[in-house]
N, C-alpha and C. Protein backbone atom coordinates (compact mmCIF):
# COMPACT_ATOMS: atom_id res chain seq x y z
N MET A 1 -0.46 -2.15 12.81
CA MET A 1 -1.56 -2.42 11.91
C MET A 1 -2.68 -3.07 12.70
N ASN A 2 -3.90 -2.62 12.48
CA ASN A 2 -5.10 -3.22 13.07
C ASN A 2 -6.07 -3.53 11.95
N GLN A 3 -6.72 -4.67 12.03
CA GLN A 3 -7.63 -5.11 10.98
C GLN A 3 -8.96 -5.51 11.59
N SER A 4 -10.04 -5.13 10.92
CA SER A 4 -11.39 -5.57 11.30
C SER A 4 -12.02 -6.29 10.11
N ALA A 5 -13.25 -6.66 10.23
CA ALA A 5 -13.94 -7.36 9.15
C ALA A 5 -14.18 -6.45 7.94
N THR A 6 -14.12 -5.12 8.15
CA THR A 6 -14.45 -4.20 7.06
C THR A 6 -13.32 -3.25 6.66
N SER A 7 -12.24 -3.19 7.46
CA SER A 7 -11.18 -2.25 7.11
C SER A 7 -9.87 -2.63 7.79
N VAL A 8 -8.84 -1.92 7.37
CA VAL A 8 -7.51 -2.09 7.96
C VAL A 8 -6.96 -0.70 8.29
N HIS A 9 -6.30 -0.58 9.44
CA HIS A 9 -5.68 0.67 9.86
C HIS A 9 -4.18 0.44 9.89
N CYS A 10 -3.43 1.28 9.18
CA CYS A 10 -1.97 1.10 9.10
C CYS A 10 -1.31 2.45 8.85
N SER A 11 -0.32 2.79 9.64
CA SER A 11 0.47 4.02 9.46
C SER A 11 -0.40 5.27 9.37
N GLY A 12 -1.44 5.33 10.15
CA GLY A 12 -2.30 6.51 10.17
C GLY A 12 -3.36 6.54 9.09
N PHE A 13 -3.46 5.49 8.28
CA PHE A 13 -4.46 5.42 7.21
C PHE A 13 -5.47 4.34 7.51
N GLN A 14 -6.70 4.55 7.04
CA GLN A 14 -7.73 3.53 7.11
C GLN A 14 -8.19 3.23 5.70
N ALA A 15 -8.29 1.94 5.38
CA ALA A 15 -8.71 1.55 4.03
C ALA A 15 -9.46 0.23 4.11
N ARG A 16 -10.18 -0.08 3.05
CA ARG A 16 -10.88 -1.36 2.99
C ARG A 16 -9.91 -2.51 2.78
N TYR A 17 -8.85 -2.26 1.97
CA TYR A 17 -7.85 -3.28 1.67
C TYR A 17 -6.45 -2.69 1.86
N LEU A 18 -5.49 -3.57 2.13
CA LEU A 18 -4.09 -3.19 2.18
C LEU A 18 -3.33 -4.15 1.28
N ALA A 19 -2.61 -3.61 0.31
CA ALA A 19 -1.79 -4.44 -0.58
C ALA A 19 -0.33 -4.24 -0.18
N ALA A 20 0.32 -5.32 0.13
CA ALA A 20 1.75 -5.27 0.48
C ALA A 20 2.53 -5.82 -0.71
N ALA A 21 2.93 -4.94 -1.61
CA ALA A 21 3.63 -5.34 -2.83
C ALA A 21 5.11 -5.03 -2.66
N ASP A 22 5.76 -5.83 -1.81
CA ASP A 22 7.15 -5.54 -1.48
C ASP A 22 8.12 -6.60 -1.98
N GLY A 23 7.77 -7.31 -3.03
CA GLY A 23 8.72 -8.14 -3.73
C GLY A 23 8.68 -9.63 -3.45
N LEU A 24 9.55 -10.32 -4.20
CA LEU A 24 9.61 -11.77 -4.17
C LEU A 24 9.95 -12.32 -2.79
N HIS A 25 10.85 -11.67 -2.07
CA HIS A 25 11.26 -12.12 -0.74
C HIS A 25 10.64 -11.20 0.31
N SER A 26 9.34 -11.06 0.26
CA SER A 26 8.57 -10.11 1.04
C SER A 26 8.68 -10.32 2.56
N PRO A 27 9.23 -9.34 3.28
CA PRO A 27 9.22 -9.45 4.74
C PRO A 27 7.80 -9.32 5.31
N VAL A 28 6.92 -8.61 4.61
CA VAL A 28 5.54 -8.50 5.06
C VAL A 28 4.84 -9.86 4.96
N ARG A 29 5.02 -10.54 3.84
CA ARG A 29 4.44 -11.87 3.66
C ARG A 29 4.95 -12.82 4.74
N ALA A 30 6.25 -12.77 5.03
CA ALA A 30 6.83 -13.62 6.06
C ALA A 30 6.27 -13.28 7.43
N ALA A 31 6.16 -11.99 7.75
CA ALA A 31 5.64 -11.56 9.06
C ALA A 31 4.20 -11.99 9.27
N LEU A 32 3.43 -12.08 8.19
CA LEU A 32 2.03 -12.49 8.30
C LEU A 32 1.86 -14.01 8.22
N GLY A 33 2.98 -14.73 8.09
CA GLY A 33 2.92 -16.19 8.03
C GLY A 33 2.44 -16.73 6.70
N LEU A 34 2.59 -15.94 5.64
CA LEU A 34 2.11 -16.35 4.32
C LEU A 34 3.23 -16.80 3.39
N ALA A 35 4.47 -16.85 3.89
CA ALA A 35 5.62 -17.22 3.06
C ALA A 35 5.69 -18.73 2.92
N ARG A 36 5.14 -19.23 1.84
CA ARG A 36 5.21 -20.66 1.57
C ARG A 36 5.44 -20.86 0.08
N SER A 37 5.99 -21.98 -0.28
CA SER A 37 6.27 -22.28 -1.67
C SER A 37 4.97 -22.46 -2.44
N SER A 38 4.99 -22.03 -3.69
CA SER A 38 3.80 -22.18 -4.52
C SER A 38 3.56 -23.63 -4.89
N GLY A 39 4.61 -24.45 -4.86
CA GLY A 39 4.48 -25.85 -5.21
C GLY A 39 4.33 -26.10 -6.71
N GLY A 40 4.16 -25.05 -7.48
CA GLY A 40 4.00 -25.20 -8.92
C GLY A 40 5.34 -25.12 -9.64
N ALA A 41 5.26 -25.14 -10.94
CA ALA A 41 6.46 -25.05 -11.78
C ALA A 41 7.13 -23.69 -11.60
N ARG A 42 8.44 -23.68 -11.68
CA ARG A 42 9.18 -22.42 -11.64
C ARG A 42 8.90 -21.63 -12.90
N ARG A 43 8.89 -20.31 -12.77
CA ARG A 43 8.65 -19.46 -13.92
C ARG A 43 9.92 -18.72 -14.31
N TRP A 44 10.02 -18.36 -15.57
CA TRP A 44 11.14 -17.61 -16.12
C TRP A 44 10.67 -16.23 -16.52
N GLY A 45 11.52 -15.25 -16.34
CA GLY A 45 11.22 -13.89 -16.77
C GLY A 45 12.18 -13.46 -17.85
N ILE A 46 11.65 -12.88 -18.91
CA ILE A 46 12.46 -12.36 -20.01
C ILE A 46 11.99 -10.94 -20.27
N ARG A 47 12.95 -10.01 -20.37
CA ARG A 47 12.59 -8.60 -20.54
C ARG A 47 13.28 -8.03 -21.76
N ARG A 48 12.56 -7.18 -22.46
CA ARG A 48 13.13 -6.52 -23.65
C ARG A 48 12.63 -5.08 -23.70
N HIS A 49 13.50 -4.18 -24.15
CA HIS A 49 13.11 -2.78 -24.36
C HIS A 49 12.69 -2.58 -25.80
N HIS A 50 11.73 -1.68 -26.00
CA HIS A 50 11.22 -1.34 -27.33
C HIS A 50 11.28 0.17 -27.49
N VAL A 51 11.87 0.61 -28.60
CA VAL A 51 12.00 2.04 -28.86
C VAL A 51 10.68 2.54 -29.42
N MET A 52 9.96 3.25 -28.58
CA MET A 52 8.67 3.83 -28.95
C MET A 52 8.18 4.72 -27.82
N THR A 53 7.30 5.63 -28.13
CA THR A 53 6.70 6.48 -27.10
C THR A 53 5.70 5.64 -26.29
N PRO A 54 5.82 5.65 -24.98
CA PRO A 54 4.85 4.91 -24.17
C PRO A 54 3.43 5.41 -24.44
N TRP A 55 2.48 4.50 -24.50
CA TRP A 55 1.09 4.87 -24.73
C TRP A 55 0.35 5.10 -23.43
N SER A 56 1.01 4.86 -22.29
CA SER A 56 0.40 5.07 -20.98
C SER A 56 1.51 5.38 -19.98
N ASP A 57 1.16 6.07 -18.91
CA ASP A 57 2.13 6.29 -17.84
C ASP A 57 1.98 5.26 -16.72
N CYS A 58 1.19 4.24 -16.98
CA CYS A 58 0.92 3.18 -16.00
C CYS A 58 1.54 1.87 -16.46
N VAL A 59 1.78 0.98 -15.52
CA VAL A 59 2.19 -0.39 -15.85
C VAL A 59 0.94 -1.15 -16.27
N GLU A 60 1.02 -1.86 -17.38
CA GLU A 60 -0.09 -2.69 -17.85
C GLU A 60 0.28 -4.15 -17.67
N VAL A 61 -0.70 -4.98 -17.30
CA VAL A 61 -0.47 -6.41 -17.11
C VAL A 61 -1.43 -7.16 -18.02
N TYR A 62 -0.89 -8.12 -18.77
CA TYR A 62 -1.67 -8.96 -19.67
C TYR A 62 -1.51 -10.40 -19.21
N TRP A 63 -2.58 -11.20 -19.30
CA TRP A 63 -2.53 -12.60 -18.90
C TRP A 63 -2.99 -13.51 -20.03
N SER A 64 -2.35 -14.67 -20.14
CA SER A 64 -2.85 -15.77 -20.96
C SER A 64 -2.93 -16.97 -20.03
N ASP A 65 -3.16 -18.16 -20.56
CA ASP A 65 -3.32 -19.33 -19.70
C ASP A 65 -2.14 -19.58 -18.77
N ASP A 66 -0.91 -19.44 -19.25
CA ASP A 66 0.25 -19.73 -18.41
C ASP A 66 1.37 -18.72 -18.54
N THR A 67 1.05 -17.53 -19.04
CA THR A 67 2.05 -16.51 -19.27
C THR A 67 1.50 -15.15 -18.89
N GLU A 68 2.36 -14.29 -18.35
CA GLU A 68 1.99 -12.92 -18.02
C GLU A 68 2.94 -11.98 -18.75
N ALA A 69 2.44 -10.83 -19.16
CA ALA A 69 3.28 -9.80 -19.77
C ALA A 69 3.06 -8.49 -19.02
N TYR A 70 4.15 -7.85 -18.65
CA TYR A 70 4.12 -6.57 -17.95
C TYR A 70 4.73 -5.52 -18.86
N VAL A 71 3.98 -4.45 -19.12
CA VAL A 71 4.45 -3.37 -19.98
C VAL A 71 4.68 -2.14 -19.10
N THR A 72 5.90 -1.61 -19.14
CA THR A 72 6.27 -0.50 -18.27
C THR A 72 6.87 0.63 -19.10
N PRO A 73 6.36 1.86 -18.93
CA PRO A 73 7.02 3.00 -19.58
C PRO A 73 8.38 3.21 -18.91
N VAL A 74 9.46 3.22 -19.70
CA VAL A 74 10.82 3.33 -19.17
C VAL A 74 11.36 4.74 -19.34
N ALA A 75 11.11 5.34 -20.49
CA ALA A 75 11.57 6.70 -20.79
C ALA A 75 10.60 7.30 -21.81
N ASP A 76 10.84 8.52 -22.21
CA ASP A 76 9.96 9.17 -23.18
C ASP A 76 9.94 8.44 -24.52
N ASP A 77 10.99 7.65 -24.78
CA ASP A 77 11.08 6.94 -26.06
C ASP A 77 11.33 5.44 -25.88
N CYS A 78 10.92 4.88 -24.73
CA CYS A 78 11.20 3.47 -24.48
C CYS A 78 10.12 2.82 -23.62
N VAL A 79 9.73 1.62 -24.04
CA VAL A 79 8.76 0.81 -23.29
C VAL A 79 9.44 -0.53 -22.98
N GLY A 80 9.33 -0.96 -21.74
CA GLY A 80 9.85 -2.27 -21.35
C GLY A 80 8.73 -3.30 -21.33
N VAL A 81 9.00 -4.47 -21.86
CA VAL A 81 8.03 -5.58 -21.82
C VAL A 81 8.72 -6.75 -21.13
N ALA A 82 8.15 -7.20 -20.03
CA ALA A 82 8.66 -8.36 -19.31
C ALA A 82 7.64 -9.48 -19.39
N ILE A 83 8.11 -10.68 -19.68
CA ILE A 83 7.23 -11.84 -19.81
C ILE A 83 7.62 -12.87 -18.77
N LEU A 84 6.64 -13.36 -18.02
CA LEU A 84 6.85 -14.42 -17.03
C LEU A 84 6.08 -15.65 -17.48
N THR A 85 6.74 -16.80 -17.48
CA THR A 85 6.11 -18.03 -17.94
C THR A 85 6.83 -19.24 -17.36
N SER A 86 6.17 -20.37 -17.36
CA SER A 86 6.81 -21.62 -16.94
C SER A 86 7.17 -22.47 -18.16
N ARG A 87 6.83 -21.99 -19.35
CA ARG A 87 7.13 -22.74 -20.58
C ARG A 87 8.50 -22.34 -21.13
N LYS A 88 9.12 -23.25 -21.85
CA LYS A 88 10.39 -22.96 -22.52
C LYS A 88 10.11 -22.15 -23.77
N GLY A 89 11.14 -21.43 -24.21
CA GLY A 89 11.01 -20.65 -25.43
C GLY A 89 11.54 -19.25 -25.23
N GLY A 90 11.75 -18.56 -26.32
CA GLY A 90 12.27 -17.21 -26.27
C GLY A 90 11.20 -16.15 -26.15
N PHE A 91 11.65 -14.92 -26.06
CA PHE A 91 10.77 -13.78 -25.88
C PHE A 91 9.69 -13.72 -26.96
N ASP A 92 10.10 -13.81 -28.23
CA ASP A 92 9.14 -13.67 -29.33
C ASP A 92 8.07 -14.75 -29.31
N ALA A 93 8.47 -15.98 -28.98
CA ALA A 93 7.49 -17.07 -28.92
C ALA A 93 6.43 -16.80 -27.85
N HIS A 94 6.86 -16.30 -26.69
CA HIS A 94 5.91 -16.03 -25.61
C HIS A 94 5.08 -14.79 -25.87
N LEU A 95 5.66 -13.80 -26.55
CA LEU A 95 4.91 -12.59 -26.87
C LEU A 95 3.72 -12.93 -27.77
N GLY A 96 3.82 -14.02 -28.52
CA GLY A 96 2.72 -14.45 -29.39
C GLY A 96 1.44 -14.79 -28.64
N ALA A 97 1.54 -15.00 -27.32
CA ALA A 97 0.32 -15.25 -26.52
C ALA A 97 -0.51 -13.98 -26.35
N PHE A 98 0.05 -12.85 -26.75
CA PHE A 98 -0.62 -11.55 -26.60
C PHE A 98 -0.61 -10.83 -27.95
N PRO A 99 -1.46 -11.24 -28.90
CA PRO A 99 -1.39 -10.72 -30.28
C PRO A 99 -1.48 -9.20 -30.39
N ALA A 100 -2.34 -8.56 -29.61
CA ALA A 100 -2.48 -7.10 -29.71
C ALA A 100 -1.20 -6.41 -29.24
N LEU A 101 -0.61 -6.90 -28.16
CA LEU A 101 0.64 -6.34 -27.67
C LEU A 101 1.78 -6.62 -28.66
N GLN A 102 1.81 -7.82 -29.20
CA GLN A 102 2.83 -8.18 -30.18
C GLN A 102 2.78 -7.25 -31.38
N GLU A 103 1.59 -6.97 -31.86
CA GLU A 103 1.45 -6.07 -33.02
C GLU A 103 1.90 -4.65 -32.67
N ARG A 104 1.62 -4.22 -31.46
CA ARG A 104 1.96 -2.86 -31.04
C ARG A 104 3.47 -2.64 -30.96
N VAL A 105 4.23 -3.64 -30.50
CA VAL A 105 5.68 -3.46 -30.30
C VAL A 105 6.52 -4.06 -31.43
N CYS A 106 5.88 -4.72 -32.39
CA CYS A 106 6.58 -5.41 -33.48
C CYS A 106 7.56 -4.48 -34.19
N GLY A 107 8.79 -4.96 -34.37
CA GLY A 107 9.79 -4.21 -35.11
C GLY A 107 10.44 -3.07 -34.35
N ARG A 108 10.14 -2.94 -33.07
CA ARG A 108 10.68 -1.83 -32.30
C ARG A 108 11.65 -2.27 -31.20
N ALA A 109 12.06 -3.54 -31.25
CA ALA A 109 12.97 -4.07 -30.22
C ALA A 109 14.29 -3.33 -30.24
N HIS A 110 14.82 -3.09 -29.06
CA HIS A 110 16.11 -2.42 -28.91
C HIS A 110 17.06 -3.38 -28.20
N GLY A 111 17.86 -4.06 -28.96
CA GLY A 111 18.84 -4.98 -28.38
C GLY A 111 18.25 -6.35 -28.10
N PRO A 112 19.08 -7.21 -27.52
CA PRO A 112 18.65 -8.58 -27.22
C PRO A 112 17.78 -8.63 -25.97
N ASP A 113 17.33 -9.82 -25.63
CA ASP A 113 16.61 -10.00 -24.38
C ASP A 113 17.49 -9.47 -23.25
N ARG A 114 16.91 -8.70 -22.35
CA ARG A 114 17.68 -8.01 -21.32
C ARG A 114 17.93 -8.84 -20.07
N ALA A 115 17.07 -9.82 -19.80
CA ALA A 115 17.26 -10.61 -18.59
C ALA A 115 16.46 -11.90 -18.70
N ALA A 116 16.92 -12.90 -18.01
CA ALA A 116 16.17 -14.15 -17.90
C ALA A 116 16.48 -14.71 -16.52
N VAL A 117 15.49 -14.76 -15.66
CA VAL A 117 15.69 -15.20 -14.28
C VAL A 117 14.62 -16.20 -13.86
N ARG A 118 14.92 -17.00 -12.87
CA ARG A 118 13.92 -17.91 -12.32
C ARG A 118 13.13 -17.20 -11.23
N CYS A 119 11.85 -17.36 -11.27
CA CYS A 119 10.97 -16.75 -10.27
C CYS A 119 10.31 -17.86 -9.48
N GLY A 120 10.21 -17.72 -8.17
CA GLY A 120 9.71 -18.81 -7.35
C GLY A 120 8.29 -18.67 -6.87
N ARG A 121 7.62 -17.58 -7.07
CA ARG A 121 6.26 -17.40 -6.55
C ARG A 121 5.32 -17.10 -7.69
N ARG A 122 4.05 -17.34 -7.44
CA ARG A 122 3.03 -17.00 -8.42
C ARG A 122 1.88 -16.33 -7.76
């Protein structure tokens, strides 16, 4: 990889920006010397599936003051919603931070919360 003030060259490509989205324990972040603790509160992730036709083939991200919601098309008849937050509470309480999304998926939940994990980066 070579970088200048206006572009980056990597693997035969030239671009203005390079995004290394390789996960929580990113070897790219570590190799660039950027692996450091956020120092903030730990966040929790809660995920639930909703039985409905996805309205987009893209992942959508919603933000509130201290909560994020990620909407992912899972199948032709299923949408996944993952919520990341540092506040206590269940999925439904946190979904309330996103009224339009809450209205869209209301009553379409399929099963209980699918996961709850601690996340260390922000």
